[in-house]
Every structure is written in structure tokens, then in C-alpha cells.
């Protein structure tokens, strides 16, 4: 049995207030869909009304839930795993066992432009990432050669804790 170094559980988070503006736009689309459904004084016919209502409701829900899922991210490091949870209900979620981690690196500047925007991203040359804002983050190289990157405040401390646990696992 491997003895892990004593030490605190590390938790960190990052947030993006800009996502709230997009969530507001989603709520507005949703409200417009509801308004159209309730006050159906259209002369264009029921099919056009139905298409408008369904379109507004679908767009509103997609925008609303798509943005609220990435308003913030929380990262937890313990002696066994790194867990990443997004949004208020913790979805999407990714748990990476430390036994699968080859190395951890501090990345001083991560931008959504490098990843194609905010959210849960995958790029063939860069791996997988959870991007909620620009700034610092951590990058894990997994034992299968894949990379996992996440933006989080105080990422340097997370890397120190992960490396300590990796050294303990190596012995």
C-alpha cells in the first residue's frame, strides 16, 4: 500500500461573469417563446406560430443551459484523483485518477481563442480542456499521452499538490 503525503485537500475554482450575459439572452429567448405561446394573436397561421414558439423555446433552453454549465468550474485534488466539476450542478464532470497522470504543469495563460471558445473543448493537437475564462490553469499529461487542461485560480498550488501525490505514488 502506498502512503500518500499528508496534506490538505486542494480545491480551487474559476468563474466567468460574462457567461451571465449570455444566460440572460437565453432567458429572453425563453420568455419570448412563452409570450408567443400565451398571446397567440398571429395572422400567419398555427404552423408559423408553432415554429416560432418551438424555435424560441429551444434556442432559449440551449443558450441558457449551455452557458450556465460554464459560469464556473471547481477543481478538487485529493490523494487519489483530480475532479473537475462545471456549473452549479456539477455537470459536465471529469474525474482523473492520479495513477493515470504522468505529469502536471502550470500554464500561465490560457485563452478561449486557443480552444475555440468557452466550455468543454477537444482539439486533436491539444487534447481536452474545460475553459471558463482566460488566465492561468493546469495541464495534466495522462499516461496514454493525452492532455487535459482546465482554467482555475491558484493553479500553481494545484500543480504542487498533484506533483507531491505523484511522487508518493512513484515510491
Protein backbone atom coordinates (compact mmCIF):
# COMPACT_ATOMS: atom_id res chain seq x y z
CA UNK A 1 0.00 0.00 0.00
CA UNK A 2 1.36 3.39 -0.97
CA UNK A 3 1.47 6.06 1.70
CA UNK A 4 0.33 9.41 0.38
CA UNK A 5 1.88 12.59 1.71
CA UNK A 6 -0.11 14.24 4.42
CA UNK A 7 -1.54 17.45 3.31
CA UNK A 8 -4.63 19.33 2.69
CA UNK A 9 -7.12 18.54 0.09
CA UNK A 10 -6.72 21.22 -2.58
CA UNK A 11 -9.75 22.93 -4.05
CA UNK A 12 -9.90 25.77 -6.49
CA UNK A 13 -12.34 27.41 -8.80
CA UNK A 14 -12.62 29.88 -11.60
CA UNK A 15 -15.63 31.84 -12.78
CA UNK A 16 -16.70 33.93 -15.73
CA UNK A 17 -19.29 36.64 -15.16
CA UNK A 18 -19.61 37.24 -18.92
CA UNK A 19 -21.50 33.97 -19.18
CA UNK A 20 -24.32 35.54 -17.16
CA UNK A 21 -24.95 37.97 -20.04
CA UNK A 22 -25.33 35.07 -22.44
CA UNK A 23 -27.60 33.31 -19.95
CA UNK A 24 -29.73 36.48 -19.90
CA UNK A 25 -30.05 36.28 -23.69
CA UNK A 26 -31.17 32.66 -23.34
CA UNK A 27 -33.74 33.64 -20.74
CA UNK A 28 -35.01 36.38 -23.07
CA UNK A 29 -35.47 33.85 -25.90
CA UNK A 30 -37.29 31.55 -23.50
CA UNK A 31 -39.55 34.40 -22.33
CA UNK A 32 -40.29 35.35 -25.93
CA UNK A 33 -41.31 31.77 -26.70
CA UNK A 34 -43.62 31.70 -23.69
CA UNK A 35 -45.08 35.08 -24.61
CA UNK A 36 -45.76 33.91 -28.16
CA UNK A 37 -47.43 30.73 -26.88
CA UNK A 38 -49.67 32.59 -24.42
CA UNK A 39 -50.59 35.56 -26.63
CA UNK A 40 -51.16 33.84 -29.95
CA UNK A 41 -52.68 36.69 -31.96
CA UNK A 42 -50.89 35.77 -35.19
CA UNK A 43 -52.49 36.10 -38.57
CA UNK A 44 -49.87 33.91 -40.29
CA UNK A 45 -51.43 30.64 -39.13
CA UNK A 46 -50.88 27.99 -36.50
CA UNK A 47 -47.89 26.36 -38.24
CA UNK A 48 -45.89 29.61 -38.26
CA UNK A 49 -46.85 30.25 -34.64
CA UNK A 50 -45.81 26.73 -33.61
CA UNK A 51 -42.48 27.06 -35.41
CA UNK A 52 -41.79 30.41 -33.74
CA UNK A 53 -42.71 29.14 -30.27
CA UNK A 54 -40.70 25.92 -30.56
CA UNK A 55 -37.75 27.77 -32.07
CA UNK A 56 -37.65 30.39 -29.32
CA UNK A 57 -38.07 27.82 -26.55
CA UNK A 58 -35.39 25.53 -27.99
CA UNK A 59 -32.92 28.36 -28.59
CA UNK A 60 -33.58 29.80 -25.14
CA UNK A 61 -33.07 26.48 -23.36
CA UNK A 62 -29.91 25.66 -25.31
CA UNK A 63 -28.37 29.06 -24.66
CA UNK A 64 -29.46 29.15 -21.03
CA UNK A 65 -28.26 25.71 -20.02
CA UNK A 66 -25.20 25.83 -22.28
CA UNK A 67 -23.95 28.99 -20.65
CA UNK A 68 -24.94 28.24 -17.06
CA UNK A 69 -22.97 24.99 -17.20
CA UNK A 70 -19.79 27.00 -17.72
CA UNK A 71 -20.28 30.00 -15.43
CA UNK A 72 -17.72 28.46 -13.10
CA UNK A 73 -15.55 25.40 -12.67
CA UNK A 74 -14.32 23.78 -9.48
CA UNK A 75 -11.29 21.54 -9.22
CA UNK A 76 -10.60 19.21 -6.29
CA UNK A 77 -7.34 17.34 -5.76
CA UNK A 78 -7.07 14.59 -3.18
CA UNK A 79 -4.71 11.68 -2.67
CA UNK A 80 -6.41 9.61 -5.35
CA UNK A 81 -7.84 11.84 -8.08
CA UNK A 82 -8.33 15.23 -9.69
CA UNK A 83 -12.02 16.02 -10.08
CA UNK A 84 -13.35 18.80 -12.29
CA UNK A 85 -16.98 19.94 -11.98
CA UNK A 86 -18.66 22.59 -14.08
CA UNK A 87 -21.58 24.88 -13.32
CA UNK A 88 -23.98 24.89 -10.42
CA UNK A 89 -24.99 21.24 -10.63
CA UNK A 90 -21.51 19.91 -11.33
CA UNK A 91 -22.09 18.79 -14.91
CA UNK A 92 -20.18 18.07 -17.01
CA UNK A 93 -17.82 16.34 -14.63
CA UNK A 94 -14.47 14.63 -15.11
CA UNK A 95 -12.57 12.55 -12.57
CA UNK A 96 -8.98 11.61 -13.38
CA UNK A 97 -7.24 9.10 -11.14
CA UNK A 98 -3.73 10.22 -10.13
CA UNK A 99 -2.47 6.77 -11.11
CA UNK A 100 -3.31 7.77 -14.71
CA UNK A 101 -1.43 11.10 -14.51
CA UNK A 102 2.11 11.23 -15.87
CA UNK A 103 2.81 14.90 -15.10
CA UNK A 104 1.19 18.18 -14.09
CA UNK A 105 2.18 21.59 -15.44
CA UNK A 106 1.25 25.15 -14.57
CA UNK A 107 0.07 27.10 -17.62
CA UNK A 108 0.28 30.87 -17.00
CA UNK A 109 -2.04 31.94 -19.82
CA UNK A 110 -4.92 30.02 -21.34
CA UNK A 111 -7.36 31.80 -23.62
CA UNK A 112 -10.70 30.68 -25.06
CA UNK A 113 -9.42 31.70 -28.51
CA UNK A 114 -6.79 28.94 -28.38
CA UNK A 115 -9.51 26.38 -27.74
CA UNK A 116 -12.32 27.68 -29.94
CA UNK A 117 -14.35 29.28 -27.15
CA UNK A 118 -15.60 28.58 -23.67
CA UNK A 119 -16.81 25.25 -22.43
CA UNK A 120 -15.74 21.64 -22.57
CA UNK A 121 -13.42 21.52 -25.58
CA UNK A 122 -11.45 18.96 -27.55
CA UNK A 123 -8.73 19.71 -30.09
CA UNK A 124 -6.75 16.87 -31.69
CA UNK A 125 -3.41 18.59 -31.20
CA UNK A 126 -4.14 19.89 -27.67
CA UNK A 127 -6.37 17.29 -26.04
CA UNK A 128 -9.36 18.08 -23.83
CA UNK A 129 -9.99 21.24 -21.82
CA UNK A 130 -12.50 22.95 -19.60
CA UNK A 131 -12.27 26.66 -20.35
CA UNK A 132 -14.41 29.12 -18.37
CA UNK A 133 -12.21 32.21 -18.67
CA UNK A 134 -8.80 33.38 -19.80
CA UNK A 135 -5.92 33.22 -17.37
CA UNK A 136 -3.93 30.62 -15.51
CA UNK A 137 -4.68 26.94 -15.41
CA UNK A 138 -3.23 23.49 -15.04
CA UNK A 139 -2.45 20.85 -17.61
CA UNK A 140 -2.28 17.14 -16.90
CA UNK A 141 -0.42 14.76 -19.18
CA UNK A 142 -2.06 11.37 -18.86
CA UNK A 143 -0.27 8.03 -19.17
CA UNK A 144 -1.91 7.43 -22.57
CA UNK A 145 -0.28 10.62 -23.91
CA UNK A 146 -3.46 12.71 -23.87
CA UNK A 147 -3.62 16.18 -22.31
CA UNK A 148 -6.30 17.61 -20.04
CA UNK A 149 -6.30 21.36 -19.35
CA UNK A 150 -8.52 23.38 -17.02
CA UNK A 151 -8.64 27.06 -16.15
CA UNK A 152 -8.58 27.51 -12.39
CA UNK A 153 -7.38 30.15 -9.95
CA UNK A 154 -4.18 29.38 -8.00
CA UNK A 155 -3.26 26.63 -10.45
CA UNK A 156 0.36 26.73 -9.32
CA UNK A 157 -0.66 25.40 -5.89
CA UNK A 158 -2.71 22.65 -7.50
CA UNK A 159 0.31 21.56 -9.54
CA UNK A 160 2.48 21.44 -6.39
CA UNK A 161 -0.10 19.24 -4.60
CA UNK A 162 -0.52 16.95 -7.62
CA UNK A 163 3.24 16.55 -8.03
CA UNK A 164 3.61 15.67 -4.33
CA UNK A 165 1.00 12.95 -4.69
CA UNK A 166 2.61 11.69 -7.92
CA UNK A 167 5.98 11.37 -6.16
CA UNK A 168 4.29 9.38 -3.36
CA UNK A 169 2.67 7.10 -5.90
CA UNK A 170 6.03 6.51 -7.60
CA UNK A 171 7.59 5.14 -4.41
